[in-house]
Protein backbone atom coordinates (compact mmCIF):
# COMPACT_ATOMS: atom_id res chain seq x y z
CA UNK A 1 0.00 0.00 0.00
CA UNK A 2 1.47 3.32 -1.09
CA UNK A 3 0.05 6.78 -0.43
CA UNK A 4 0.09 8.78 -3.67
CA UNK A 5 -1.50 12.01 -2.45
CA UNK A 6 -3.33 13.95 -5.15
CA UNK A 7 -0.94 13.39 -8.09
CA UNK A 8 -2.98 10.51 -9.50
CA UNK A 9 -6.05 12.73 -9.70
CA UNK A 10 -4.34 15.14 -12.09
CA UNK A 11 -3.66 12.47 -14.72
CA UNK A 12 -5.64 13.05 -17.93
CA UNK A 13 -7.71 10.22 -19.39
CA UNK A 14 -9.67 9.75 -22.62
CA UNK A 15 -12.79 7.58 -22.61
CA UNK A 16 -13.43 4.84 -25.15
CA UNK A 17 -15.77 7.29 -26.89
CA UNK A 18 -13.12 10.04 -27.11
CA UNK A 19 -14.19 12.27 -24.22
CA UNK A 20 -11.46 13.92 -22.14
CA UNK A 21 -11.52 13.55 -18.37
CA UNK A 22 -9.09 12.99 -15.51
CA UNK A 23 -8.52 10.30 -12.92
CA UNK A 24 -9.70 12.96 -10.47
CA UNK A 25 -13.25 12.68 -11.79
CA UNK A 26 -13.37 9.43 -9.80
CA UNK A 27 -11.47 10.81 -6.77
CA UNK A 28 -14.27 10.17 -4.29
CA UNK A 29 -14.73 6.55 -5.40
CA UNK A 30 -12.99 3.28 -4.66
CA UNK A 31 -11.57 2.42 -8.08
CA UNK A 32 -10.60 -0.96 -9.52
CA UNK A 33 -8.28 -0.14 -12.43
CA UNK A 34 -7.82 -3.06 -14.85
CA UNK A 35 -5.96 -3.38 -18.15
CA UNK A 36 -8.31 -5.48 -20.26
CA UNK A 37 -8.08 -7.33 -23.58
CA UNK A 38 -10.94 -8.82 -25.57
CA UNK A 39 -9.05 -11.82 -26.99
CA UNK A 40 -7.29 -12.79 -23.77
CA UNK A 41 -7.94 -16.12 -22.08
CA UNK A 42 -8.69 -14.09 -18.94
CA UNK A 43 -11.50 -12.14 -20.69
CA UNK A 44 -14.18 -14.04 -18.70
CA UNK A 45 -13.04 -11.85 -15.79
CA UNK A 46 -15.16 -9.14 -17.44
CA UNK A 47 -18.23 -10.89 -15.96
CA UNK A 48 -16.84 -10.68 -12.42
CA UNK A 49 -15.76 -7.07 -12.96
CA UNK A 50 -19.31 -6.22 -14.02
CA UNK A 51 -20.68 -8.11 -10.99
CA UNK A 52 -18.50 -5.96 -8.71
CA UNK A 53 -19.74 -2.85 -10.50
CA UNK A 54 -23.37 -3.87 -9.94
CA UNK A 55 -22.76 -4.91 -6.33
CA UNK A 56 -20.83 -1.83 -5.17
CA UNK A 57 -21.47 0.83 -7.84
CA UNK A 58 -24.16 2.64 -5.85
CA UNK A 59 -21.92 2.69 -2.76
CA UNK A 60 -19.04 4.75 -4.20
CA UNK A 61 -17.16 2.13 -6.23
CA UNK A 62 -16.30 1.85 -9.92
CA UNK A 63 -14.33 -0.42 -12.19
CA UNK A 64 -12.21 1.51 -14.71
CA UNK A 65 -11.27 -0.56 -17.78
CA UNK A 66 -8.19 0.25 -19.83
CA UNK A 67 -7.95 -1.82 -23.02
CA UNK A 68 -4.36 -2.56 -23.98
CA UNK A 69 -2.89 -4.29 -27.00
CA UNK A 70 0.59 -4.56 -25.53
CA UNK A 71 0.14 -8.31 -25.21
CA UNK A 72 -1.38 -8.46 -28.74
CA UNK A 73 -4.83 -9.60 -27.60
CA UNK A 74 -7.04 -6.54 -28.05
CA UNK A 75 -9.39 -5.65 -30.90
CA UNK A 76 -8.33 -3.05 -33.46
CA UNK A 77 -10.64 -0.12 -32.80
CA UNK A 78 -12.28 1.58 -29.86
CA UNK A 79 -15.66 0.95 -31.52
CA UNK A 80 -15.00 -2.81 -31.77
CA UNK A 81 -13.86 -2.90 -28.14
CA UNK A 82 -16.96 -1.01 -26.98
CA UNK A 83 -19.28 -3.33 -28.93
CA UNK A 84 -17.52 -6.49 -27.66
CA UNK A 85 -17.62 -5.36 -24.02
CA UNK A 86 -21.25 -4.32 -24.22
CA UNK A 87 -22.68 -7.25 -26.19
CA UNK A 88 -20.51 -10.06 -24.81
CA UNK A 89 -20.21 -9.07 -21.14
CA UNK A 90 -22.83 -6.34 -20.58
CA UNK A 91 -20.15 -3.94 -19.37
CA UNK A 92 -21.57 -0.76 -17.80
CA UNK A 93 -18.42 0.53 -16.07
CA UNK A 94 -16.28 3.29 -17.62
CA UNK A 95 -13.88 2.18 -20.36
CA UNK A 96 -11.00 4.20 -21.74
CA UNK A 97 -9.06 4.39 -24.98
CA UNK A 98 -6.38 1.80 -25.72
CA UNK A 99 -3.59 2.37 -23.25
CA UNK A 100 0.10 1.47 -23.11
CA UNK A 101 0.68 -0.08 -19.70
CA UNK A 102 4.45 -0.68 -20.11
CA UNK A 103 7.44 0.74 -21.95
CA UNK A 104 8.60 4.16 -23.10
CA UNK A 105 5.10 5.23 -24.17
CA UNK A 106 3.54 3.99 -20.91
CA UNK A 107 0.45 5.97 -19.92
CA UNK A 108 1.12 8.29 -16.94
CA UNK A 109 -1.53 6.48 -14.88
CA UNK A 110 0.29 3.18 -15.28
CA UNK A 111 3.65 4.86 -14.69
CA UNK A 112 2.33 5.74 -11.22
CA UNK A 113 0.35 2.58 -10.49
CA UNK A 114 3.19 0.20 -11.37
CA UNK A 115 5.37 1.73 -8.64
CA UNK A 116 3.14 -0.15 -6.20
CA UNK A 117 4.32 -3.64 -5.23
CA UNK A 118 2.03 -6.66 -5.22
CA UNK A 119 1.51 -8.93 -2.20
CA UNK A 120 4.90 -10.56 -2.76
CA UNK A 121 6.63 -7.15 -2.76
CA UNK A 122 7.26 -7.01 -6.52
CA UNK A 123 6.62 -3.70 -8.29
CA UNK A 124 7.34 -2.76 -11.90
CA UNK A 125 5.85 -3.62 -15.24
CA UNK A 126 2.39 -5.07 -15.80
CA UNK A 127 2.94 -8.77 -16.49
CA UNK A 128 -0.25 -9.53 -18.47
CA UNK A 129 -3.80 -8.47 -19.21
CA UNK A 130 -6.23 -8.09 -16.30
CA UNK A 131 -3.69 -6.84 -13.76
CA UNK A 132 -5.68 -5.02 -11.08
CA UNK A 133 -5.08 -1.94 -8.94
CA UNK A 134 -7.54 -0.89 -6.25
CA UNK A 135 -7.16 2.85 -5.61
CA UNK A 136 -8.97 4.19 -2.56
CA UNK A 137 -10.23 7.77 -2.17
CA UNK A 138 -7.26 8.56 0.11
CA UNK A 139 -4.89 7.63 -2.72
CA UNK A 140 -3.74 4.26 -1.40
CA UNK A 141 -2.98 1.72 -4.13
CA UNK A 142 -3.27 -2.06 -3.79
CA UNK A 143 -1.95 -4.27 -6.59
CA UNK A 144 -3.21 -7.69 -7.68
CA UNK A 145 -1.76 -9.80 -10.48
CA UNK A 146 -3.80 -11.01 -13.51
CA UNK A 147 -4.69 -14.47 -12.23
CA UNK A 148 -6.23 -13.02 -9.07
CA UNK A 149 -9.94 -13.06 -9.87
CA UNK A 150 -11.78 -9.72 -9.48
CA UNK A 151 -13.99 -11.20 -6.75
CA UNK A 152 -11.10 -12.77 -4.80
CA UNK A 153 -11.43 -12.26 -1.03
CA UNK A 154 -8.32 -10.08 -0.86
CA UNK A 155 -9.73 -7.65 -3.45
CA UNK A 156 -13.25 -7.59 -1.98
CA UNK A 157 -11.75 -6.96 1.48
CA UNK A 158 -9.92 -3.86 0.23
CA UNK A 159 -13.02 -2.58 -1.61
CA UNK A 160 -15.37 -3.13 1.34
CA UNK A 161 -12.85 -1.71 3.80
CA UNK A 162 -12.47 1.47 1.78
CA UNK A 163 -16.23 1.82 1.26
CA UNK A 164 -16.82 1.49 5.00
CA UNK A 165 -14.19 4.16 5.78
C-alpha atoms as a PDB file:
ATOM      1  CA  UNK A   1       0.000   0.000   0.000  1.00  0.00           C
ATOM      2  CA  UNK A   2       1.469   3.321  -1.092  1.00  0.00           C
ATOM      3  CA  UNK A   3       0.050   6.784  -0.434  1.00  0.00           C
ATOM      4  CA  UNK A   4       0.093   8.783  -3.675  1.00  0.00           C
ATOM      5  CA  UNK A   5      -1.503  12.011  -2.454  1.00  0.00           C
ATOM      6  CA  UNK A   6      -3.325  13.947  -5.148  1.00  0.00           C
ATOM      7  CA  UNK A   7      -0.940  13.393  -8.092  1.00  0.00           C
ATOM      8  CA  UNK A   8      -2.983  10.514  -9.503  1.00  0.00           C
ATOM      9  CA  UNK A   9      -6.054  12.733  -9.702  1.00  0.00           C
ATOM     10  CA  UNK A  10      -4.339  15.142 -12.086  1.00  0.00           C
ATOM     11  CA  UNK A  11      -3.665  12.472 -14.719  1.00  0.00           C
ATOM     12  CA  UNK A  12      -5.639  13.050 -17.932  1.00  0.00           C
ATOM     13  CA  UNK A  13      -7.714  10.219 -19.394  1.00  0.00           C
ATOM     14  CA  UNK A  14      -9.673   9.752 -22.616  1.00  0.00           C
ATOM     15  CA  UNK A  15     -12.786   7.580 -22.611  1.00  0.00           C
ATOM     16  CA  UNK A  16     -13.425   4.842 -25.152  1.00  0.00           C
ATOM     17  CA  UNK A  17     -15.773   7.293 -26.886  1.00  0.00           C
ATOM     18  CA  UNK A  18     -13.124  10.039 -27.108  1.00  0.00           C
ATOM     19  CA  UNK A  19     -14.193  12.274 -24.217  1.00  0.00           C
ATOM     20  CA  UNK A  20     -11.456  13.920 -22.138  1.00  0.00           C
ATOM     21  CA  UNK A  21     -11.524  13.550 -18.365  1.00  0.00           C
ATOM     22  CA  UNK A  22      -9.092  12.992 -15.505  1.00  0.00           C
ATOM     23  CA  UNK A  23      -8.521  10.297 -12.922  1.00  0.00           C
ATOM     24  CA  UNK A  24      -9.697  12.959 -10.465  1.00  0.00           C
ATOM     25  CA  UNK A  25     -13.245  12.681 -11.792  1.00  0.00           C
ATOM     26  CA  UNK A  26     -13.366   9.434  -9.800  1.00  0.00           C
ATOM     27  CA  UNK A  27     -11.472  10.808  -6.770  1.00  0.00           C
ATOM     28  CA  UNK A  28     -14.269  10.172  -4.289  1.00  0.00           C
ATOM     29  CA  UNK A  29     -14.731   6.546  -5.396  1.00  0.00           C
ATOM     30  CA  UNK A  30     -12.985   3.285  -4.658  1.00  0.00           C
ATOM     31  CA  UNK A  31     -11.573   2.421  -8.085  1.00  0.00           C
ATOM     32  CA  UNK A  32     -10.597  -0.963  -9.519  1.00  0.00           C
ATOM     33  CA  UNK A  33      -8.277  -0.135 -12.427  1.00  0.00           C
ATOM     34  CA  UNK A  34      -7.819  -3.058 -14.851  1.00  0.00           C
ATOM     35  CA  UNK A  35      -5.958  -3.380 -18.151  1.00  0.00           C
ATOM     36  CA  UNK A  36      -8.310  -5.484 -20.261  1.00  0.00           C
ATOM     37  CA  UNK A  37      -8.076  -7.330 -23.577  1.00  0.00           C
ATOM     38  CA  UNK A  38     -10.936  -8.817 -25.565  1.00  0.00           C
ATOM     39  CA  UNK A  39      -9.051 -11.816 -26.988  1.00  0.00           C
ATOM     40  CA  UNK A  40      -7.289 -12.789 -23.765  1.00  0.00           C
ATOM     41  CA  UNK A  41      -7.943 -16.122 -22.075  1.00  0.00           C
ATOM     42  CA  UNK A  42      -8.692 -14.094 -18.937  1.00  0.00           C
ATOM     43  CA  UNK A  43     -11.497 -12.140 -20.689  1.00  0.00           C
ATOM     44  CA  UNK A  44     -14.175 -14.043 -18.704  1.00  0.00           C
ATOM     45  CA  UNK A  45     -13.039 -11.851 -15.788  1.00  0.00           C
ATOM     46  CA  UNK A  46     -15.159  -9.139 -17.439  1.00  0.00           C
ATOM     47  CA  UNK A  47     -18.227 -10.893 -15.961  1.00  0.00           C
ATOM     48  CA  UNK A  48     -16.837 -10.683 -12.418  1.00  0.00           C
ATOM     49  CA  UNK A  49     -15.755  -7.070 -12.961  1.00  0.00           C
ATOM     50  CA  UNK A  50     -19.312  -6.221 -14.017  1.00  0.00           C
ATOM     51  CA  UNK A  51     -20.681  -8.111 -10.994  1.00  0.00           C
ATOM     52  CA  UNK A  52     -18.502  -5.963  -8.711  1.00  0.00           C
ATOM     53  CA  UNK A  53     -19.745  -2.846 -10.505  1.00  0.00           C
ATOM     54  CA  UNK A  54     -23.368  -3.874  -9.939  1.00  0.00           C
ATOM     55  CA  UNK A  55     -22.760  -4.915  -6.327  1.00  0.00           C
ATOM     56  CA  UNK A  56     -20.834  -1.826  -5.165  1.00  0.00           C
ATOM     57  CA  UNK A  57     -21.472   0.829  -7.842  1.00  0.00           C
ATOM     58  CA  UNK A  58     -24.157   2.638  -5.854  1.00  0.00           C
ATOM     59  CA  UNK A  59     -21.922   2.694  -2.756  1.00  0.00           C
ATOM     60  CA  UNK A  60     -19.044   4.747  -4.197  1.00  0.00           C
ATOM     61  CA  UNK A  61     -17.157   2.133  -6.227  1.00  0.00           C
ATOM     62  CA  UNK A  62     -16.302   1.846  -9.916  1.00  0.00           C
ATOM     63  CA  UNK A  63     -14.328  -0.416 -12.189  1.00  0.00           C
ATOM     64  CA  UNK A  64     -12.214   1.509 -14.710  1.00  0.00           C
ATOM     65  CA  UNK A  65     -11.272  -0.556 -17.777  1.00  0.00           C
ATOM     66  CA  UNK A  66      -8.189   0.247 -19.829  1.00  0.00           C
ATOM     67  CA  UNK A  67      -7.953  -1.820 -23.018  1.00  0.00           C
ATOM     68  CA  UNK A  68      -4.362  -2.563 -23.982  1.00  0.00           C
ATOM     69  CA  UNK A  69      -2.894  -4.286 -27.003  1.00  0.00           C
ATOM     70  CA  UNK A  70       0.593  -4.559 -25.528  1.00  0.00           C
ATOM     71  CA  UNK A  71       0.136  -8.310 -25.212  1.00  0.00           C
ATOM     72  CA  UNK A  72      -1.383  -8.457 -28.739  1.00  0.00           C
ATOM     73  CA  UNK A  73      -4.827  -9.597 -27.601  1.00  0.00           C
ATOM     74  CA  UNK A  74      -7.036  -6.536 -28.055  1.00  0.00           C
ATOM     75  CA  UNK A  75      -9.388  -5.654 -30.898  1.00  0.00           C
ATOM     76  CA  UNK A  76      -8.326  -3.054 -33.460  1.00  0.00           C
ATOM     77  CA  UNK A  77     -10.641  -0.118 -32.797  1.00  0.00           C
ATOM     78  CA  UNK A  78     -12.280   1.578 -29.856  1.00  0.00           C
ATOM     79  CA  UNK A  79     -15.660   0.949 -31.524  1.00  0.00           C
ATOM     80  CA  UNK A  80     -14.997  -2.809 -31.772  1.00  0.00           C
ATOM     81  CA  UNK A  81     -13.857  -2.898 -28.142  1.00  0.00           C
ATOM     82  CA  UNK A  82     -16.961  -1.014 -26.976  1.00  0.00           C
ATOM     83  CA  UNK A  83     -19.278  -3.333 -28.928  1.00  0.00           C
ATOM     84  CA  UNK A  84     -17.524  -6.488 -27.660  1.00  0.00           C
ATOM     85  CA  UNK A  85     -17.622  -5.356 -24.019  1.00  0.00           C
ATOM     86  CA  UNK A  86     -21.254  -4.320 -24.223  1.00  0.00           C
ATOM     87  CA  UNK A  87     -22.676  -7.245 -26.190  1.00  0.00           C
ATOM     88  CA  UNK A  88     -20.512 -10.064 -24.808  1.00  0.00           C
ATOM     89  CA  UNK A  89     -20.207  -9.069 -21.141  1.00  0.00           C
ATOM     90  CA  UNK A  90     -22.828  -6.343 -20.580  1.00  0.00           C
ATOM     91  CA  UNK A  91     -20.152  -3.935 -19.373  1.00  0.00           C
ATOM     92  CA  UNK A  92     -21.571  -0.761 -17.804  1.00  0.00           C
ATOM     93  CA  UNK A  93     -18.419   0.529 -16.069  1.00  0.00           C
ATOM     94  CA  UNK A  94     -16.276   3.286 -17.620  1.00  0.00           C
ATOM     95  CA  UNK A  95     -13.884   2.182 -20.357  1.00  0.00           C
ATOM     96  CA  UNK A  96     -11.004   4.203 -21.735  1.00  0.00           C
ATOM     97  CA  UNK A  97      -9.061   4.388 -24.983  1.00  0.00           C
ATOM     98  CA  UNK A  98      -6.382   1.805 -25.723  1.00  0.00           C
ATOM     99  CA  UNK A  99      -3.588   2.371 -23.250  1.00  0.00           C
ATOM    100  CA  UNK A 100       0.097   1.469 -23.112  1.00  0.00           C
ATOM    101  CA  UNK A 101       0.683  -0.080 -19.696  1.00  0.00           C
ATOM    102  CA  UNK A 102       4.446  -0.678 -20.107  1.00  0.00           C
ATOM    103  CA  UNK A 103       7.444   0.745 -21.948  1.00  0.00           C
ATOM    104  CA  UNK A 104       8.595   4.164 -23.096  1.00  0.00           C
ATOM    105  CA  UNK A 105       5.099   5.235 -24.165  1.00  0.00           C
ATOM    106  CA  UNK A 106       3.539   3.994 -20.906  1.00  0.00           C
ATOM    107  CA  UNK A 107       0.447   5.975 -19.923  1.00  0.00           C
ATOM    108  CA  UNK A 108       1.120   8.295 -16.935  1.00  0.00           C
ATOM    109  CA  UNK A 109      -1.534   6.482 -14.875  1.00  0.00           C
ATOM    110  CA  UNK A 110       0.287   3.182 -15.280  1.00  0.00           C
ATOM    111  CA  UNK A 111       3.650   4.861 -14.685  1.00  0.00           C
ATOM    112  CA  UNK A 112       2.333   5.741 -11.215  1.00  0.00           C
ATOM    113  CA  UNK A 113       0.348   2.579 -10.491  1.00  0.00           C
ATOM    114  CA  UNK A 114       3.188   0.195 -11.372  1.00  0.00           C
ATOM    115  CA  UNK A 115       5.368   1.731  -8.644  1.00  0.00           C
ATOM    116  CA  UNK A 116       3.139  -0.149  -6.196  1.00  0.00           C
ATOM    117  CA  UNK A 117       4.318  -3.637  -5.228  1.00  0.00           C
ATOM    118  CA  UNK A 118       2.030  -6.656  -5.223  1.00  0.00           C
ATOM    119  CA  UNK A 119       1.510  -8.929  -2.200  1.00  0.00           C
ATOM    120  CA  UNK A 120       4.899 -10.560  -2.760  1.00  0.00           C
ATOM    121  CA  UNK A 121       6.634  -7.153  -2.764  1.00  0.00           C
ATOM    122  CA  UNK A 122       7.262  -7.011  -6.525  1.00  0.00           C
ATOM    123  CA  UNK A 123       6.623  -3.700  -8.286  1.00  0.00           C
ATOM    124  CA  UNK A 124       7.335  -2.759 -11.899  1.00  0.00           C
ATOM    125  CA  UNK A 125       5.847  -3.621 -15.243  1.00  0.00           C
ATOM    126  CA  UNK A 126       2.386  -5.067 -15.796  1.00  0.00           C
ATOM    127  CA  UNK A 127       2.939  -8.765 -16.494  1.00  0.00           C
ATOM    128  CA  UNK A 128      -0.246  -9.531 -18.467  1.00  0.00           C
ATOM    129  CA  UNK A 129      -3.800  -8.473 -19.208  1.00  0.00           C
ATOM    130  CA  UNK A 130      -6.228  -8.089 -16.297  1.00  0.00           C
ATOM    131  CA  UNK A 131      -3.685  -6.839 -13.757  1.00  0.00           C
ATOM    132  CA  UNK A 132      -5.683  -5.017 -11.075  1.00  0.00           C
ATOM    133  CA  UNK A 133      -5.075  -1.942  -8.939  1.00  0.00           C
ATOM    134  CA  UNK A 134      -7.537  -0.887  -6.251  1.00  0.00           C
ATOM    135  CA  UNK A 135      -7.156   2.846  -5.613  1.00  0.00           C
ATOM    136  CA  UNK A 136      -8.973   4.187  -2.563  1.00  0.00           C
ATOM    137  CA  UNK A 137     -10.233   7.769  -2.173  1.00  0.00           C
ATOM    138  CA  UNK A 138      -7.263   8.562   0.111  1.00  0.00           C
ATOM    139  CA  UNK A 139      -4.886   7.633  -2.719  1.00  0.00           C
ATOM    140  CA  UNK A 140      -3.741   4.263  -1.396  1.00  0.00           C
ATOM    141  CA  UNK A 141      -2.978   1.722  -4.129  1.00  0.00           C
ATOM    142  CA  UNK A 142      -3.274  -2.060  -3.788  1.00  0.00           C
ATOM    143  CA  UNK A 143      -1.946  -4.271  -6.593  1.00  0.00           C
ATOM    144  CA  UNK A 144      -3.211  -7.690  -7.684  1.00  0.00           C
ATOM    145  CA  UNK A 145      -1.763  -9.801 -10.478  1.00  0.00           C
ATOM    146  CA  UNK A 146      -3.797 -11.006 -13.509  1.00  0.00           C
ATOM    147  CA  UNK A 147      -4.689 -14.470 -12.230  1.00  0.00           C
ATOM    148  CA  UNK A 148      -6.228 -13.023  -9.066  1.00  0.00           C
ATOM    149  CA  UNK A 149      -9.936 -13.058  -9.867  1.00  0.00           C
ATOM    150  CA  UNK A 150     -11.784  -9.723  -9.480  1.00  0.00           C
ATOM    151  CA  UNK A 151     -13.992 -11.198  -6.749  1.00  0.00           C
ATOM    152  CA  UNK A 152     -11.097 -12.769  -4.800  1.00  0.00           C
ATOM    153  CA  UNK A 153     -11.431 -12.260  -1.030  1.00  0.00           C
ATOM    154  CA  UNK A 154      -8.315 -10.079  -0.864  1.00  0.00           C
ATOM    155  CA  UNK A 155      -9.731  -7.655  -3.454  1.00  0.00           C
ATOM    156  CA  UNK A 156     -13.251  -7.590  -1.981  1.00  0.00           C
ATOM    157  CA  UNK A 157     -11.751  -6.964   1.480  1.00  0.00           C
ATOM    158  CA  UNK A 158      -9.920  -3.856   0.230  1.00  0.00           C
ATOM    159  CA  UNK A 159     -13.020  -2.585  -1.607  1.00  0.00           C
ATOM    160  CA  UNK A 160     -15.374  -3.131   1.340  1.00  0.00           C
ATOM    161  CA  UNK A 161     -12.853  -1.714   3.805  1.00  0.00           C
ATOM    162  CA  UNK A 162     -12.471   1.474   1.777  1.00  0.00           C
ATOM    163  CA  UNK A 163     -16.225   1.820   1.264  1.00  0.00           C
ATOM    164  CA  UNK A 164     -16.818   1.488   5.000  1.00  0.00           C
ATOM    165  CA  UNK A 165     -14.193   4.155   5.783  1.00  0.00           C
END
